[in-house]
């Protein structure tokens, strides 16, 4: 039974601290731009549905990825969550996952149901052997970003606001930005997993594309990602808070570089030393907290509840950032 609840099967460490904080950003954007969530008597029910959908979707995709990649992981001598399950446990896991998802779908409205399913279907096409977008070059990169970031974010928005409101400037900018960051994320993942992909003969975009093609795509993606994020940042956060948070973030990078010799990279092309992916912590830690801070001026009760919940979700990374800030300041002042 322990094998069924293996963290490798659910890949919790792959998405809890890295994707959940960003997928929750739409909640904070909606609160800052409308009183819908705060004034709604069903706010707790809505939030629980939203959080359950995000977590259940991530778990489902993780299980799907482990199941479809059993053969490839074996060839690469890579751990797989299904490798220690017996012939009875595997169908139990798969059927239970399908059953829970079907039950959950009955509680969704049409618009949220569509985008929840779109995320699941995208990864069925991404992982399954009969199409396997994972090995279809740039289509696989786009599919991963849509399924991991864009569709879940739209799902969160639609739990809170009507579908037509997504076209508003800040929400649209957020979706463009998160799509581009999702592309950078999957490219970095493919670079990190390149040696395993060679062993298993998995033909990802990073493995099969020319150096020039990758270089051009990376420059375009990074440039647009930063442009859209700047637009989102200056349209949602006061300049004084932006300046202060950037200073703190630069202190973190400074400490990692000087104390631990971390490479500051945009794309993880080499993995022969410790590295920090540029802007990742600012996106996942600093930016959400900047939005939460502003909720204080709107509704103090909501502020404290959201702040506590967000810190619980990101506790490990928040503690790490605080520790690194302290080390950086000690290094500068010594």
C-alpha atoms as a PDB file:
ATOM      1  CA  UNK A   1       0.000   0.000   0.000  1.00  0.00           C
ATOM      2  CA  UNK A   2       2.935   2.325   0.730  1.00  0.00           C
ATOM      3  CA  UNK A   3       4.000   2.017  -2.916  1.00  0.00           C
ATOM      4  CA  UNK A   4       0.643   3.392  -4.088  1.00  0.00           C
ATOM      5  CA  UNK A   5       1.187   6.555  -2.073  1.00  0.00           C
ATOM      6  CA  UNK A   6       4.775   6.977  -3.232  1.00  0.00           C
ATOM      7  CA  UNK A   7       5.729  10.622  -3.760  1.00  0.00           C
ATOM      8  CA  UNK A   8       7.384   9.582  -7.020  1.00  0.00           C
ATOM      9  CA  UNK A   9       4.041   8.339  -8.349  1.00  0.00           C
ATOM     10  CA  UNK A  10       2.379  11.694  -7.691  1.00  0.00           C
ATOM     11  CA  UNK A  11       5.481  13.815  -8.521  1.00  0.00           C
ATOM     12  CA  UNK A  12       4.411  16.208  -5.750  1.00  0.00           C
ATOM     13  CA  UNK A  13       7.881  17.750  -5.481  1.00  0.00           C
ATOM     14  CA  UNK A  14       7.784  18.524  -9.208  1.00  0.00           C
ATOM     15  CA  UNK A  15       4.756  20.810  -9.047  1.00  0.00           C
ATOM     16  CA  UNK A  16       3.696  21.767  -5.506  1.00  0.00           C
ATOM     17  CA  UNK A  17       6.355  24.422  -4.850  1.00  0.00           C
ATOM     18  CA  UNK A  18       6.998  25.308  -8.468  1.00  0.00           C
ATOM     19  CA  UNK A  19       3.627  25.559 -10.224  1.00  0.00           C
ATOM     20  CA  UNK A  20       0.935  25.936  -7.563  1.00  0.00           C
ATOM     21  CA  UNK A  21       2.015  29.465  -6.431  1.00  0.00           C
ATOM     22  CA  UNK A  22       1.861  30.747 -10.011  1.00  0.00           C
ATOM     23  CA  UNK A  23      -1.480  29.094 -10.714  1.00  0.00           C
ATOM     24  CA  UNK A  24      -2.891  30.841  -7.621  1.00  0.00           C
ATOM     25  CA  UNK A  25      -1.849  34.293  -8.913  1.00  0.00           C
ATOM     26  CA  UNK A  26      -5.182  34.672 -10.811  1.00  0.00           C
ATOM     27  CA  UNK A  27      -6.978  34.616  -7.450  1.00  0.00           C
ATOM     28  CA  UNK A  28      -4.985  37.609  -6.242  1.00  0.00           C
ATOM     29  CA  UNK A  29      -5.441  39.460  -9.532  1.00  0.00           C
ATOM     30  CA  UNK A  30      -9.210  38.967  -9.387  1.00  0.00           C
ATOM     31  CA  UNK A  31      -9.432  40.146  -5.763  1.00  0.00           C
ATOM     32  CA  UNK A  32      -7.471  43.292  -6.641  1.00  0.00           C
ATOM     33  CA  UNK A  33      -9.665  44.059  -9.639  1.00  0.00           C
ATOM     34  CA  UNK A  34     -13.128  43.038  -8.425  1.00  0.00           C
ATOM     35  CA  UNK A  35     -14.970  42.454  -5.148  1.00  0.00           C
ATOM     36  CA  UNK A  36     -16.439  39.209  -6.508  1.00  0.00           C
ATOM     37  CA  UNK A  37     -14.555  36.778  -4.280  1.00  0.00           C
ATOM     38  CA  UNK A  38     -14.585  38.889  -1.145  1.00  0.00           C
ATOM     39  CA  UNK A  39     -18.292  39.765  -1.259  1.00  0.00           C
ATOM     40  CA  UNK A  40     -19.509  36.334  -2.378  1.00  0.00           C
ATOM     41  CA  UNK A  41     -21.250  34.263   0.296  1.00  0.00           C
ATOM     42  CA  UNK A  42     -20.025  31.162  -1.518  1.00  0.00           C
ATOM     43  CA  UNK A  43     -16.377  32.267  -1.465  1.00  0.00           C
ATOM     44  CA  UNK A  44     -15.203  29.332   0.693  1.00  0.00           C
ATOM     45  CA  UNK A  45     -16.993  26.799  -1.521  1.00  0.00           C
ATOM     46  CA  UNK A  46     -15.552  28.428  -4.641  1.00  0.00           C
ATOM     47  CA  UNK A  47     -12.034  28.475  -3.242  1.00  0.00           C
ATOM     48  CA  UNK A  48     -12.182  24.826  -2.147  1.00  0.00           C
ATOM     49  CA  UNK A  49     -13.433  23.807  -5.600  1.00  0.00           C
ATOM     50  CA  UNK A  50     -10.687  25.827  -7.202  1.00  0.00           C
ATOM     51  CA  UNK A  51      -7.922  24.419  -5.001  1.00  0.00           C
ATOM     52  CA  UNK A  52      -9.227  20.857  -5.370  1.00  0.00           C
ATOM     53  CA  UNK A  53      -9.315  21.253  -9.150  1.00  0.00           C
ATOM     54  CA  UNK A  54      -5.726  22.515  -9.308  1.00  0.00           C
ATOM     55  CA  UNK A  55      -4.373  19.767  -7.032  1.00  0.00           C
ATOM     56  CA  UNK A  56      -6.453  16.971  -8.572  1.00  0.00           C
ATOM     57  CA  UNK A  57      -5.470  18.059 -12.071  1.00  0.00           C
ATOM     58  CA  UNK A  58      -1.775  18.117 -11.145  1.00  0.00           C
ATOM     59  CA  UNK A  59      -2.000  14.681  -9.497  1.00  0.00           C
ATOM     60  CA  UNK A  60      -3.829  13.237 -12.509  1.00  0.00           C
ATOM     61  CA  UNK A  61      -1.246  14.565 -14.953  1.00  0.00           C
ATOM     62  CA  UNK A  62       1.596  13.294 -12.770  1.00  0.00           C
ATOM     63  CA  UNK A  63       0.124   9.781 -12.611  1.00  0.00           C
ATOM     64  CA  UNK A  64      -0.496   9.875 -16.352  1.00  0.00           C
ATOM     65  CA  UNK A  65       3.110  10.903 -17.026  1.00  0.00           C
ATOM     66  CA  UNK A  66       4.525   8.160 -14.826  1.00  0.00           C
ATOM     67  CA  UNK A  67       2.306   5.509 -16.415  1.00  0.00           C
ATOM     68  CA  UNK A  68       3.017   6.378 -20.047  1.00  0.00           C
ATOM     69  CA  UNK A  69       6.753   6.819 -19.391  1.00  0.00           C
ATOM     70  CA  UNK A  70       7.346   3.456 -17.686  1.00  0.00           C
ATOM     71  CA  UNK A  71       9.298   2.047 -20.633  1.00  0.00           C
ATOM     72  CA  UNK A  72      11.319   5.214 -21.267  1.00  0.00           C
ATOM     73  CA  UNK A  73      12.218   5.585 -17.578  1.00  0.00           C
ATOM     74  CA  UNK A  74      13.349   1.950 -17.473  1.00  0.00           C
ATOM     75  CA  UNK A  75      15.655   2.455 -20.476  1.00  0.00           C
ATOM     76  CA  UNK A  76      17.153   5.550 -18.827  1.00  0.00           C
ATOM     77  CA  UNK A  77      17.511   3.807 -15.421  1.00  0.00           C
ATOM     78  CA  UNK A  78      15.241   6.502 -14.034  1.00  0.00           C
ATOM     79  CA  UNK A  79      12.895   5.973 -11.083  1.00  0.00           C
ATOM     80  CA  UNK A  80       9.225   5.570 -11.946  1.00  0.00           C
ATOM     81  CA  UNK A  81       6.277   5.627  -9.560  1.00  0.00           C
ATOM     82  CA  UNK A  82       4.742   2.495 -11.102  1.00  0.00           C
ATOM     83  CA  UNK A  83       7.854   0.320 -11.005  1.00  0.00           C
ATOM     84  CA  UNK A  84       7.179  -1.056  -7.524  1.00  0.00           C
ATOM     85  CA  UNK A  85       3.437  -1.561  -7.969  1.00  0.00           C
ATOM     86  CA  UNK A  86       2.101  -5.077  -8.496  1.00  0.00           C
ATOM     87  CA  UNK A  87      -0.426  -6.152 -11.148  1.00  0.00           C
ATOM     88  CA  UNK A  88      -3.377  -5.356  -8.870  1.00  0.00           C
ATOM     89  CA  UNK A  89      -2.169  -1.991  -7.620  1.00  0.00           C
ATOM     90  CA  UNK A  90      -1.585  -0.446 -11.063  1.00  0.00           C
ATOM     91  CA  UNK A  91      -5.212  -0.752 -12.287  1.00  0.00           C
ATOM     92  CA  UNK A  92      -6.431   0.360  -8.844  1.00  0.00           C
ATOM     93  CA  UNK A  93      -4.435   3.593  -9.155  1.00  0.00           C
ATOM     94  CA  UNK A  94      -5.585   4.238 -12.725  1.00  0.00           C
ATOM     95  CA  UNK A  95      -9.277   3.434 -12.154  1.00  0.00           C
ATOM     96  CA  UNK A  96      -9.387   5.424  -8.909  1.00  0.00           C
ATOM     97  CA  UNK A  97      -7.869   8.431 -10.679  1.00  0.00           C
ATOM     98  CA  UNK A  98     -10.459   8.212 -13.469  1.00  0.00           C
ATOM     99  CA  UNK A  99     -13.343   7.751 -11.003  1.00  0.00           C
ATOM    100  CA  UNK A 100     -12.351  10.725  -8.818  1.00  0.00           C
ATOM    101  CA  UNK A 101     -12.047  12.936 -11.887  1.00  0.00           C
ATOM    102  CA  UNK A 102     -15.476  11.893 -13.179  1.00  0.00           C
ATOM    103  CA  UNK A 103     -17.051  12.670  -9.795  1.00  0.00           C
ATOM    104  CA  UNK A 104     -15.284  16.053  -9.669  1.00  0.00           C
ATOM    105  CA  UNK A 105     -16.547  16.976 -13.146  1.00  0.00           C
ATOM    106  CA  UNK A 106     -20.167  16.786 -11.956  1.00  0.00           C
ATOM    107  CA  UNK A 107     -19.514  19.710  -9.588  1.00  0.00           C
ATOM    108  CA  UNK A 108     -18.085  22.002 -12.283  1.00  0.00           C
ATOM    109  CA  UNK A 109     -19.920  24.535 -14.364  1.00  0.00           C
ATOM    110  CA  UNK A 110     -19.621  24.247 -18.130  1.00  0.00           C
ATOM    111  CA  UNK A 111     -16.841  26.815 -18.622  1.00  0.00           C
ATOM    112  CA  UNK A 112     -14.614  25.507 -15.818  1.00  0.00           C
ATOM    113  CA  UNK A 113     -15.284  21.909 -16.881  1.00  0.00           C
ATOM    114  CA  UNK A 114     -14.079  22.666 -20.426  1.00  0.00           C
ATOM    115  CA  UNK A 115     -10.721  24.066 -19.340  1.00  0.00           C
ATOM    116  CA  UNK A 116     -10.186  21.414 -16.670  1.00  0.00           C
ATOM    117  CA  UNK A 117     -10.717  18.755 -19.346  1.00  0.00           C
ATOM    118  CA  UNK A 118      -8.563  20.633 -21.852  1.00  0.00           C
ATOM    119  CA  UNK A 119      -5.615  20.400 -19.460  1.00  0.00           C
ATOM    120  CA  UNK A 120      -6.133  16.644 -18.958  1.00  0.00           C
ATOM    121  CA  UNK A 121      -6.699  15.968 -22.676  1.00  0.00           C
ATOM    122  CA  UNK A 122      -3.605  17.970 -23.600  1.00  0.00           C
ATOM    123  CA  UNK A 123      -1.452  15.680 -21.485  1.00  0.00           C
ATOM    124  CA  UNK A 124      -3.144  12.550 -22.768  1.00  0.00           C
ATOM    125  CA  UNK A 125      -2.028  13.687 -26.228  1.00  0.00           C
ATOM    126  CA  UNK A 126       1.357  14.701 -24.816  1.00  0.00           C
ATOM    127  CA  UNK A 127       2.219  11.395 -23.149  1.00  0.00           C
ATOM    128  CA  UNK A 128       0.192   8.676 -24.888  1.00  0.00           C
ATOM    129  CA  UNK A 129       2.078   6.579 -27.479  1.00  0.00           C
ATOM    130  CA  UNK A 130      -0.519   6.922 -30.252  1.00  0.00           C
ATOM    131  CA  UNK A 131       0.176  10.667 -30.630  1.00  0.00           C
ATOM    132  CA  UNK A 132       2.906  11.550 -28.083  1.00  0.00           C
ATOM    133  CA  UNK A 133       3.209  15.282 -28.600  1.00  0.00           C
ATOM    134  CA  UNK A 134       6.167  15.105 -26.223  1.00  0.00           C
ATOM    135  CA  UNK A 135       8.209  13.926 -29.218  1.00  0.00           C
ATOM    136  CA  UNK A 136       6.648  16.248 -31.802  1.00  0.00           C
ATOM    137  CA  UNK A 137       9.116  19.114 -31.517  1.00  0.00           C
ATOM    138  CA  UNK A 138       7.723  22.582 -30.866  1.00  0.00           C
ATOM    139  CA  UNK A 139       4.162  21.200 -30.663  1.00  0.00           C
ATOM    140  CA  UNK A 140       5.186  19.300 -27.535  1.00  0.00           C
ATOM    141  CA  UNK A 141       6.685  22.426 -25.989  1.00  0.00           C
ATOM    142  CA  UNK A 142       3.517  24.427 -26.683  1.00  0.00           C
ATOM    143  CA  UNK A 143       1.264  21.610 -25.432  1.00  0.00           C
ATOM    144  CA  UNK A 144       3.154  21.333 -22.136  1.00  0.00           C
ATOM    145  CA  UNK A 145       2.915  25.060 -21.482  1.00  0.00           C
ATOM    146  CA  UNK A 146      -0.797  25.144 -22.308  1.00  0.00           C
ATOM    147  CA  UNK A 147      -1.606  22.069 -20.209  1.00  0.00           C
ATOM    148  CA  UNK A 148       0.593  22.966 -17.232  1.00  0.00           C
ATOM    149  CA  UNK A 149       0.087  26.714 -17.024  1.00  0.00           C
ATOM    150  CA  UNK A 150      -2.467  28.325 -19.344  1.00  0.00           C
ATOM    151  CA  UNK A 151      -5.491  26.004 -19.077  1.00  0.00           C
ATOM    152  CA  UNK A 152      -5.174  25.597 -15.264  1.00  0.00           C
ATOM    153  CA  UNK A 153      -4.889  29.392 -14.933  1.00  0.00           C
ATOM    154  CA  UNK A 154      -8.017  29.911 -17.042  1.00  0.00           C
ATOM    155  CA  UNK A 155      -9.762  27.281 -14.893  1.00  0.00           C
ATOM    156  CA  UNK A 156      -8.891  29.339 -11.803  1.00  0.00           C
ATOM    157  CA  UNK A 157     -10.108  32.565 -13.423  1.00  0.00           C
ATOM    158  CA  UNK A 158     -13.411  30.967 -14.448  1.00  0.00           C
ATOM    159  CA  UNK A 159     -14.064  29.751 -10.912  1.00  0.00           C
ATOM    160  CA  UNK A 160     -14.186  33.434  -9.976  1.00  0.00           C
ATOM    161  CA  UNK A 161     -15.239  35.555 -12.962  1.00  0.00           C
ATOM    162  CA  UNK A 162     -17.316  35.244 -16.169  1.00  0.00           C
ATOM    163  CA  UNK A 163     -15.468  33.992 -19.235  1.00  0.00           C
ATOM    164  CA  UNK A 164     -15.764  37.320 -21.068  1.00  0.00           C
ATOM    165  CA  UNK A 165     -13.833  39.091 -18.287  1.00  0.00           C
ATOM    166  CA  UNK A 166     -10.690  37.088 -19.105  1.00  0.00           C
ATOM    167  CA  UNK A 167     -10.185  39.446 -22.053  1.00  0.00           C
ATOM    168  CA  UNK A 168      -9.469  42.304 -19.637  1.00  0.00           C
ATOM    169  CA  UNK A 169      -5.957  43.702 -19.978  1.00  0.00           C
ATOM    170  CA  UNK A 170      -4.347  42.404 -16.779  1.00  0.00           C
ATOM    171  CA  UNK A 171      -5.796  38.919 -17.104  1.00  0.00           C
ATOM    172  CA  UNK A 172      -4.825  38.629 -20.782  1.00  0.00           C
ATOM    173  CA  UNK A 173      -1.301  39.871 -20.081  1.00  0.00           C
ATOM    174  CA  UNK A 174      -0.994  37.319 -17.280  1.00  0.00           C
ATOM    175  CA  UNK A 175      -2.013  34.462 -19.593  1.00  0.00           C
ATOM    176  CA  UNK A 176       0.466  35.510 -22.299  1.00  0.00           C
ATOM    177  CA  UNK A 177       3.218  35.790 -19.691  1.00  0.00           C
ATOM    178  CA  UNK A 178       2.484  32.456 -18.030  1.00  0.00           C
ATOM    179  CA  UNK A 179       2.399  30.755 -21.449  1.00  0.00           C
ATOM    180  CA  UNK A 180       5.865  32.088 -22.289  1.00  0.00           C
ATOM    181  CA  UNK A 181       7.255  31.192 -18.873  1.00  0.00           C
ATOM    182  CA  UNK A 182       5.746  27.734 -19.304  1.00  0.00           C
ATOM    183  CA  UNK A 183       7.682  27.355 -22.553  1.00  0.00           C
ATOM    184  CA  UNK A 184      10.904  28.373 -20.810  1.00  0.00           C
ATOM    185  CA  UNK A 185      10.074  25.931 -18.035  1.00  0.00           C
ATOM    186  CA  UNK A 186       9.618  22.907 -20.296  1.00  0.00           C
ATOM    187  CA  UNK A 187      12.737  23.801 -22.303  1.00  0.00           C
ATOM    188  CA  UNK A 188      14.722  23.901 -19.068  1.00  0.00           C
ATOM    189  CA  UNK A 189      13.233  20.569 -18.057  1.00  0.00           C
ATOM    190  CA  UNK A 190      14.235  19.045 -21.390  1.00  0.00           C
ATOM    191  CA  UNK A 191      17.786  20.356 -20.978  1.00  0.00           C
ATOM    192  CA  UNK A 192      17.957  18.877 -17.471  1.00  0.00           C
ATOM    193  CA  UNK A 193      16.619  15.534 -18.694  1.00  0.00           C
ATOM    194  CA  UNK A 194      18.659  15.459 -21.909  1.00  0.00           C
ATOM    195  CA  UNK A 195      20.978  12.592 -20.930  1.00  0.00           C
ATOM    196  CA  UNK A 196      18.033  10.453 -19.820  1.00  0.00           C
ATOM    197  CA  UNK A 197      16.221  11.242 -23.070  1.00  0.00           C
ATOM    198  CA  UNK A 198      19.270  10.097 -25.040  1.00  0.00           C
ATOM    199  CA  UNK A 199      19.353   6.785 -23.148  1.00  0.00           C
ATOM    200  CA  UNK A 200      15.633   6.179 -23.721  1.00  0.00           C
ATOM    201  CA  UNK A 201      15.683   7.546 -27.287  1.00  0.00           C
ATOM    202  CA  UNK A 202      13.055  10.160 -26.423  1.00  0.00           C
ATOM    203  CA  UNK A 203      13.091  12.767 -29.198  1.00  0.00           C
ATOM    204  CA  UNK A 204      12.152  16.014 -27.446  1.00  0.00           C
ATOM    205  CA  UNK A 205      12.495  19.447 -29.021  1.00  0.00           C
ATOM    206  CA  UNK A 206      15.767  20.136 -27.187  1.00  0.00           C
ATOM    207  CA  UNK A 207      17.267  16.846 -28.317  1.00  0.00           C
ATOM    208  CA  UNK A 208      16.291  17.005 -31.989  1.00  0.00           C
ATOM    209  CA  UNK A 209      16.443  20.711 -32.847  1.00  0.00           C
ATOM    210  CA  UNK A 210      19.526  22.462 -34.147  1.00  0.00           C
ATOM    211  CA  UNK A 211      21.515  24.764 -31.899  1.00  0.00           C
ATOM    212  CA  UNK A 212      20.498  27.767 -34.032  1.00  0.00           C
ATOM    213  CA  UNK A 213      16.793  26.907 -33.830  1.00  0.00           C
ATOM    214  CA  UNK A 214      16.973  26.588 -30.056  1.00  0.00           C
ATOM    215  CA  UNK A 215      18.951  29.797 -29.723  1.00  0.00           C
ATOM    216  CA  UNK A 216      16.445  31.806 -31.778  1.00  0.00           C
ATOM    217  CA  UNK A 217      13.434  30.376 -29.932  1.00  0.00           C
ATOM    218  CA  UNK A 218      15.035  30.978 -26.541  1.00  0.00           C
ATOM    219  CA  UNK A 219      15.796  34.618 -27.314  1.00  0.00           C
ATOM    220  CA  UNK A 220      12.259  35.252 -28.568  1.00  0.00           C
ATOM    221  CA  UNK A 221      10.624  33.480 -25.616  1.00  0.00           C
ATOM    222  CA  UNK A 222      12.770  35.163 -22.966  1.00  0.00           C
ATOM    223  CA  UNK A 223      12.374  38.642 -24.486  1.00  0.00           C
ATOM    224  CA  UNK A 224       8.594  38.385 -24.782  1.00  0.00           C
ATOM    225  CA  UNK A 225       8.279  36.766 -21.356  1.00  0.00           C
ATOM    226  CA  UNK A 226      10.099  39.665 -19.679  1.00  0.00           C
ATOM    227  CA  UNK A 227       8.153  42.282 -21.681  1.00  0.00           C
ATOM    228  CA  UNK A 228       4.779  40.788 -20.725  1.00  0.00           C
ATOM    229  CA  UNK A 229       5.837  40.403 -17.100  1.00  0.00           C
ATOM    230  CA  UNK A 230       6.965  44.029 -16.899  1.00  0.00           C
ATOM    231  CA  UNK A 231       3.570  45.085 -18.294  1.00  0.00           C
ATOM    232  CA  UNK A 232       1.812  42.898 -15.721  1.00  0.00           C
ATOM    233  CA  UNK A 233       4.037  44.098 -12.888  1.00  0.00           C
ATOM    234  CA  UNK A 234       3.719  47.848 -13.498  1.00  0.00           C
ATOM    235  CA  UNK A 235      -0.043  47.549 -14.030  1.00  0.00           C
ATOM    236  CA  UNK A 236      -0.628  45.755 -10.732  1.00  0.00           C
ATOM    237  CA  UNK A 237       2.089  46.799  -8.251  1.00  0.00           C
ATOM    238  CA  UNK A 238       3.189  50.292  -7.076  1.00  0.00           C
ATOM    239  CA  UNK A 239       6.684  51.367  -8.122  1.00  0.00           C
ATOM    240  CA  UNK A 240       8.027  51.564  -4.554  1.00  0.00           C
ATOM    241  CA  UNK A 241       7.080  47.939  -3.869  1.00  0.00           C
ATOM    242  CA  UNK A 242       8.544  46.853  -7.215  1.00  0.00           C
ATOM    243  CA  UNK A 243      11.847  48.591  -6.407  1.00  0.00           C
ATOM    244  CA  UNK A 244      12.067  47.106  -2.909  1.00  0.00           C
ATOM    245  CA  UNK A 245      11.253  43.568  -4.050  1.00  0.00           C
ATOM    246  CA  UNK A 246      13.757  43.743  -6.918  1.00  0.00           C
ATOM    247  CA  UNK A 247      16.421  44.838  -4.452  1.00  0.00           C
ATOM    248  CA  UNK A 248      15.660  41.841  -2.231  1.00  0.00           C
ATOM    249  CA  UNK A 249      15.715  39.510  -5.230  1.00  0.00           C
ATOM    250  CA  UNK A 250      19.075  40.874  -6.392  1.00  0.00           C
ATOM    251  CA  UNK A 251      20.415  40.273  -2.876  1.00  0.00           C
ATOM    252  CA  UNK A 252      19.328  36.638  -3.161  1.00  0.00           C
ATOM    253  CA  UNK A 253      21.089  36.270  -6.524  1.00  0.00           C
ATOM    254  CA  UNK A 254      24.178  38.031  -5.165  1.00  0.00           C
ATOM    255  CA  UNK A 255      24.389  35.634  -2.220  1.00  0.00           C
ATOM    256  CA  UNK A 256      23.984  32.564  -4.405  1.00  0.00           C
ATOM    257  CA  UNK A 257      26.698  33.789  -6.750  1.00  0.00           C
ATOM    258  CA  UNK A 258      29.222  34.890  -4.129  1.00  0.00           C
ATOM    259  CA  UNK A 259      28.621  32.283  -1.426  1.00  0.00           C
ATOM    260  CA  UNK A 260      27.692  29.192  -3.454  1.00  0.00           C
ATOM    261  CA  UNK A 261      29.096  29.989  -6.912  1.00  0.00           C
ATOM    262  CA  UNK A 262      25.702  29.477  -8.509  1.00  0.00           C
ATOM    263  CA  UNK A 263      25.407  30.125 -12.229  1.00  0.00           C
ATOM    264  CA  UNK A 264      22.563  32.533 -13.044  1.00  0.00           C
ATOM    265  CA  UNK A 265      21.021  31.067 -16.192  1.00  0.00           C
ATOM    266  CA  UNK A 266      18.092  31.818 -18.470  1.00  0.00           C
ATOM    267  CA  UNK A 267      18.102  28.289 -19.878  1.00  0.00           C
ATOM    268  CA  UNK A 268      19.728  25.316 -18.187  1.00  0.00           C
ATOM    269  CA  UNK A 269      21.932  24.309 -21.118  1.00  0.00           C
ATOM    270  CA  UNK A 270      24.632  22.874 -18.823  1.00  0.00           C
ATOM    271  CA  UNK A 271      24.150  21.076 -15.514  1.00  0.00           C
ATOM    272  CA  UNK A 272      27.763  20.635 -14.414  1.00  0.00           C
ATOM    273  CA  UNK A 273      27.375  23.160 -11.551  1.00  0.00           C
ATOM    274  CA  UNK A 274      24.705  24.592  -9.266  1.00  0.00           C
ATOM    275  CA  UNK A 275      22.465  27.089 -11.038  1.00  0.00           C
ATOM    276  CA  UNK A 276      19.585  29.495 -10.509  1.00  0.00           C
ATOM    277  CA  UNK A 277      16.999  30.027 -13.243  1.00  0.00           C
ATOM    278  CA  UNK A 278      16.727  33.786 -13.733  1.00  0.00           C
ATOM    279  CA  UNK A 279      13.545  35.372 -12.331  1.00  0.00           C
ATOM    280  CA  UNK A 280      12.063  32.042 -11.201  1.00  0.00           C
ATOM    281  CA  UNK A 281      11.915  32.948  -7.503  1.00  0.00           C
ATOM    282  CA  UNK A 282      10.715  36.441  -8.312  1.00  0.00           C
ATOM    283  CA  UNK A 283       7.796  34.949 -10.243  1.00  0.00           C
ATOM    284  CA  UNK A 284       6.892  32.258  -7.712  1.00  0.00           C
ATOM    285  CA  UNK A 285       7.687  33.977  -4.382  1.00  0.00           C
ATOM    286  CA  UNK A 286       8.054  37.746  -4.672  1.00  0.00           C
ATOM    287  CA  UNK A 287       5.342  38.603  -7.207  1.00  0.00           C
ATOM    288  CA  UNK A 288       2.503  36.695  -5.493  1.00  0.00           C
ATOM    289  CA  UNK A 289       3.464  38.299  -2.169  1.00  0.00           C
ATOM    290  CA  UNK A 290       3.452  41.753  -3.787  1.00  0.00           C
ATOM    291  CA  UNK A 291      -0.126  41.136  -4.907  1.00  0.00           C
ATOM    292  CA  UNK A 292      -1.154  39.793  -1.500  1.00  0.00           C
ATOM    293  CA  UNK A 293       0.305  42.853   0.262  1.00  0.00           C
ATOM    294  CA  UNK A 294      -2.013  45.092  -1.759  1.00  0.00           C
ATOM    295  CA  UNK A 295      -5.064  43.056  -0.708  1.00  0.00           C
ATOM    296  CA  UNK A 296      -4.488  44.483   2.799  1.00  0.00           C
ATOM    297  CA  UNK A 297      -5.766  47.872   1.625  1.00  0.00           C
ATOM    298  CA  UNK A 298      -8.964  46.275   0.298  1.00  0.00           C
ATOM    299  CA  UNK A 299      -9.893  43.734   2.947  1.00  0.00           C
ATOM    300  CA  UNK A 300      -7.716  43.018   5.980  1.00  0.00           C
ATOM    301  CA  UNK A 301      -9.538  39.810   6.880  1.00  0.00           C
ATOM    302  CA  UNK A 302      -9.054  38.406   3.402  1.00  0.00           C
ATOM    303  CA  UNK A 303      -5.422  39.576   3.473  1.00  0.00           C
ATOM    304  CA  UNK A 304      -4.508  37.587   6.583  1.00  0.00           C
ATOM    305  CA  UNK A 305      -6.302  34.460   5.421  1.00  0.00           C
ATOM    306  CA  UNK A 306      -4.694  34.534   1.973  1.00  0.00           C
ATOM    307  CA  UNK A 307      -1.240  35.424   3.338  1.00  0.00           C
ATOM    308  CA  UNK A 308      -1.269  32.549   5.833  1.00  0.00           C
ATOM    309  CA  UNK A 309      -2.479  30.089   3.210  1.00  0.00           C
ATOM    310  CA  UNK A 310       0.093  31.229   0.663  1.00  0.00           C
ATOM    311  CA  UNK A 311       2.947  30.978   3.168  1.00  0.00           C
ATOM    312  CA  UNK A 312       1.814  27.470   4.141  1.00  0.00           C
ATOM    313  CA  UNK A 313       1.852  26.439   0.462  1.00  0.00           C
ATOM    314  CA  UNK A 314       5.279  27.994  -0.170  1.00  0.00           C
ATOM    315  CA  UNK A 315       6.736  27.628   3.342  1.00  0.00           C
ATOM    316  CA  UNK A 316       9.883  25.731   2.364  1.00  0.00           C
ATOM    317  CA  UNK A 317      10.818  28.209  -0.359  1.00  0.00           C
ATOM    318  CA  UNK A 318       9.973  31.254   1.780  1.00  0.00           C
ATOM    319  CA  UNK A 319      12.258  29.967   4.554  1.00  0.00           C
ATOM    320  CA  UNK A 320      15.017  29.348   2.005  1.00  0.00           C
ATOM    321  CA  UNK A 321      14.693  32.891   0.596  1.00  0.00           C
ATOM    322  CA  UNK A 322      14.770  34.458   4.085  1.00  0.00           C
ATOM    323  CA  UNK A 323      17.845  32.419   4.982  1.00  0.00           C
ATOM    324  CA  UNK A 324      19.605  33.471   1.782  1.00  0.00           C
ATOM    325  CA  UNK A 325      18.727  37.135   2.353  1.00  0.00           C
ATOM    326  CA  UNK A 326      20.264  36.933   5.817  1.00  0.00           C
ATOM    327  CA  UNK A 327      23.422  35.279   4.450  1.00  0.00           C
ATOM    328  CA  UNK A 328      23.742  37.918   1.713  1.00  0.00           C
ATOM    329  CA  UNK A 329      23.395  40.798   4.180  1.00  0.00           C
ATOM    330  CA  UNK A 330      25.933  39.204   6.545  1.00  0.00           C
ATOM    331  CA  UNK A 331      28.364  38.813   3.645  1.00  0.00           C
ATOM    332  CA  UNK A 332      27.966  42.462   2.603  1.00  0.00           C
ATOM    333  CA  UNK A 333      28.258  43.827   6.152  1.00  0.00           C
ATOM    334  CA  UNK A 334      31.159  41.703   7.327  1.00  0.00           C
END
